[in-house]
Amino acid sequence: MNRPAALNRTLLALIGFLLLAAGGFALATHFGKLRLLDPAAPLVPGAAPPPTWVFWVAIAASVVLGLLCLRWLAAQAFRRPKTVAWRTDHADGSLVLDSAAVAAPIAADIEGYDGVRAAKAWLSGPREAPELSLVVTADRDVRPRIAEHALPRLKQALEVDDLPVRLELRLTTKTGGRRTV
């Protein structure tokens, strides 16, 4: 289960429900269908402005809420898989290898292809069933080259038959514009 995605959907549903309820309440009150508030009455009694500290609290709360929203938005962009430590036991000892160290050579290999500007790779999952995530920025489609050259070499190095791959290919133009496929 993807807990961050479930939390994200739950929060979005809750916020959406609250906004719909507030909008429905405002419309029902405005058109006189709901008699809890008088639509002609002022929202707050009196005409005196609130104390200055109320404005400062409102500003501080707005800034904190805005920063939390920006953090939430930034978290949606790309979630990098967690690296894991793989342990291999041999007769002459055991070896602990970080999956990020295993993924670095495939990224370097792909960066050597013609037209590739940058490549990042992450391996996640257990040693027996790893999963590869790639982000490649290139001038042209390099998927066939990756599938025919880099992936078979990585499968051979990892000694696995099946390697699920998530590839994000960012196609760029010579002028610097970018399209994501």
Protein backbone atom coordinates (compact mmCIF):
# COMPACT_ATOMS: atom_id res chain seq x y z
CA MET A 1 0.00 0.00 0.00
CA ASN A 2 1.31 3.45 -0.92
CA ARG A 3 0.73 5.36 2.33
CA PRO A 4 1.71 8.84 1.07
CA ALA A 5 -0.67 8.51 -1.88
CA ALA A 6 -3.49 7.32 0.40
CA LEU A 7 -2.86 10.23 2.78
CA ASN A 8 -2.77 12.62 -0.18
CA ARG A 9 -6.11 11.36 -1.52
CA THR A 10 -7.68 11.46 1.96
CA LEU A 11 -6.56 15.04 2.59
CA LEU A 12 -7.72 16.18 -0.85
CA ALA A 13 -11.11 14.51 -0.34
CA LEU A 14 -11.49 16.06 3.13
CA ILE A 15 -10.53 19.55 1.93
CA GLY A 16 -12.83 19.20 -1.08
CA PHE A 17 -15.72 18.10 1.12
CA LEU A 18 -15.18 21.01 3.53
CA LEU A 19 -15.04 23.51 0.66
CA LEU A 20 -18.21 22.08 -0.89
CA ALA A 21 -19.99 22.20 2.47
CA ALA A 22 -18.88 25.82 3.09
CA GLY A 23 -19.98 26.83 -0.41
CA GLY A 24 -23.32 25.08 -0.03
CA PHE A 25 -23.86 26.73 3.37
CA ALA A 26 -23.05 30.18 1.92
CA LEU A 27 -25.37 29.69 -1.07
CA ALA A 28 -28.22 28.32 1.05
CA THR A 29 -27.89 31.22 3.49
CA HIS A 30 -27.69 33.81 0.71
CA PHE A 31 -30.83 32.57 -1.03
CA GLY A 32 -32.75 32.24 2.25
CA LYS A 33 -33.05 28.45 2.19
CA LEU A 34 -31.14 28.17 5.46
CA ARG A 35 -32.31 30.43 8.28
CA LEU A 36 -29.34 30.02 10.64
CA LEU A 37 -27.94 33.42 9.67
CA ASP A 38 -29.65 36.53 8.39
CA PRO A 39 -28.14 37.33 4.96
CA ALA A 40 -28.68 41.06 5.54
CA ALA A 41 -26.96 41.13 8.96
CA PRO A 42 -23.27 42.02 9.24
CA LEU A 43 -20.90 39.12 9.88
CA VAL A 44 -19.42 40.71 13.00
CA PRO A 45 -21.19 43.05 15.37
CA GLY A 46 -19.96 46.63 15.51
CA ALA A 47 -17.83 48.61 13.12
CA ALA A 48 -14.61 48.83 15.15
CA PRO A 49 -11.57 47.14 13.60
CA PRO A 50 -10.08 44.19 15.49
CA PRO A 51 -6.93 44.61 17.58
CA THR A 52 -3.62 44.75 15.70
CA TRP A 53 -2.48 41.37 17.03
CA VAL A 54 -5.36 39.70 15.15
CA PHE A 55 -3.91 40.88 11.84
CA TRP A 56 -0.43 39.60 12.77
CA VAL A 57 -1.82 36.19 13.75
CA ALA A 58 -3.77 36.02 10.49
CA ILE A 59 -0.63 36.93 8.49
CA ALA A 60 1.50 34.36 10.35
CA ALA A 61 -1.12 31.64 9.90
CA SER A 62 -1.38 32.48 6.19
CA VAL A 63 2.39 32.28 5.73
CA VAL A 64 2.60 28.93 7.53
CA LEU A 65 -0.33 27.56 5.54
CA GLY A 66 1.23 28.81 2.29
CA LEU A 67 4.57 27.16 3.10
CA LEU A 68 2.83 23.89 3.95
CA CYS A 69 0.98 24.04 0.63
CA LEU A 70 4.25 24.65 -1.24
CA ARG A 71 5.87 21.71 0.54
CA TRP A 72 2.92 19.50 -0.36
CA LEU A 73 3.11 20.64 -3.98
CA ALA A 74 6.86 19.99 -4.14
CA ALA A 75 6.34 16.48 -2.79
CA GLN A 76 4.07 15.69 -5.74
CA ALA A 77 6.75 16.34 -8.38
CA PHE A 78 8.88 13.21 -8.12
CA ARG A 79 9.21 10.64 -5.41
CA ARG A 80 12.56 8.94 -5.54
CA PRO A 81 12.44 5.31 -4.43
CA LYS A 82 14.23 4.52 -1.20
CA THR A 83 17.61 2.90 -1.59
CA VAL A 84 18.12 -0.36 0.22
CA ALA A 85 21.15 -2.25 1.49
CA TRP A 86 21.60 -5.60 -0.22
CA ARG A 87 23.41 -8.31 1.68
CA THR A 88 25.09 -11.17 -0.15
CA ASP A 89 26.58 -14.04 1.81
CA HIS A 90 29.48 -16.00 0.33
CA ALA A 91 31.72 -18.72 1.71
CA ASP A 92 34.54 -16.21 2.22
CA GLY A 93 32.36 -13.59 3.92
CA SER A 94 29.38 -11.35 3.36
CA LEU A 95 29.02 -8.22 1.31
CA VAL A 96 26.66 -5.34 2.03
CA LEU A 97 26.03 -3.15 -0.98
CA ASP A 98 23.89 -0.03 -1.21
CA SER A 99 21.46 -0.13 -4.15
CA ALA A 100 22.43 3.46 -5.02
CA ALA A 101 25.99 2.27 -5.66
CA VAL A 102 24.65 -0.41 -8.01
CA ALA A 103 22.48 2.10 -9.89
CA ALA A 104 25.25 4.67 -10.45
CA PRO A 105 27.01 2.73 -13.27
CA ILE A 106 23.84 2.37 -15.36
CA ALA A 107 23.22 6.11 -15.09
CA ALA A 108 26.82 6.77 -16.18
CA ASP A 109 26.42 4.25 -19.02
CA ILE A 110 23.24 5.93 -20.30
CA GLU A 111 24.81 9.40 -20.02
CA GLY A 112 27.42 8.19 -22.51
CA TYR A 113 24.80 7.66 -25.24
CA ASP A 114 24.57 10.16 -28.09
CA GLY A 115 21.99 12.85 -27.39
CA VAL A 116 21.68 12.14 -23.66
CA ARG A 117 22.24 15.19 -21.49
CA ALA A 118 21.66 13.65 -18.06
CA ALA A 119 20.58 10.36 -16.50
CA LYS A 120 19.65 9.40 -12.96
CA ALA A 121 18.96 5.86 -11.78
CA TRP A 122 17.55 4.33 -8.58
CA LEU A 123 17.22 0.68 -7.64
CA SER A 124 14.72 -0.33 -5.01
CA GLY A 125 13.23 -3.53 -3.72
CA PRO A 126 14.92 -6.70 -2.49
CA ARG A 127 18.10 -8.06 -4.08
CA GLU A 128 16.19 -10.99 -5.62
CA ALA A 129 13.54 -8.76 -7.26
CA PRO A 130 14.91 -5.24 -7.81
CA GLU A 131 13.04 -2.45 -9.55
CA LEU A 132 14.77 0.25 -11.60
CA SER A 133 13.67 3.88 -11.87
CA LEU A 134 15.30 6.04 -14.53
CA VAL A 135 15.05 9.74 -15.32
CA VAL A 136 16.76 10.50 -18.63
CA THR A 137 17.07 13.91 -20.27
CA ALA A 138 17.89 13.57 -23.97
CA ASP A 139 17.60 15.26 -27.35
CA ARG A 140 15.88 12.21 -28.86
CA ASP A 141 14.13 9.00 -27.89
CA VAL A 142 16.75 6.67 -26.42
CA ARG A 143 14.37 3.99 -25.14
CA PRO A 144 15.47 1.36 -27.71
CA ARG A 145 19.14 1.90 -26.86
CA ILE A 146 18.42 1.58 -23.14
CA ALA A 147 16.34 -1.58 -23.68
CA GLU A 148 18.90 -3.23 -25.98
CA HIS A 149 22.14 -2.20 -24.24
CA ALA A 150 21.91 -0.88 -20.68
CA LEU A 151 19.14 -3.07 -19.27
CA PRO A 152 20.58 -6.44 -20.42
CA ARG A 153 23.94 -5.48 -18.92
CA LEU A 154 22.32 -4.53 -15.61
CA LYS A 155 20.26 -7.75 -15.54
CA GLN A 156 23.42 -9.75 -16.12
CA ALA A 157 25.28 -7.87 -13.38
CA LEU A 158 22.42 -8.34 -10.91
CA GLU A 159 21.89 -11.96 -12.01
CA VAL A 160 18.13 -11.48 -12.44
CA ASP A 161 15.85 -12.50 -15.30
CA ASP A 162 13.17 -9.86 -14.81
CA LEU A 163 13.78 -6.19 -14.03
CA PRO A 164 10.73 -3.88 -13.91
CA VAL A 165 11.68 -0.41 -15.16
CA ARG A 166 10.02 2.96 -14.62
CA LEU A 167 11.45 5.36 -17.20
CA GLU A 168 10.81 9.10 -17.27
CA LEU A 169 12.16 10.43 -20.55
CA ARG A 170 12.55 14.19 -20.76
CA LEU A 171 12.98 15.22 -24.35
CA THR A 172 14.80 18.51 -24.86
CA THR A 173 15.39 20.66 -27.87
CA LYS A 174 18.66 22.31 -28.82
CA THR A 175 17.29 25.66 -27.60
CA GLY A 176 16.60 24.35 -24.13
CA GLY A 177 12.82 23.76 -24.30
CA ARG A 178 11.62 20.58 -22.63
CA ARG A 179 8.89 17.99 -23.11
CA THR A 180 8.27 15.07 -20.74
CA VAL A 181 7.17 11.75 -22.19
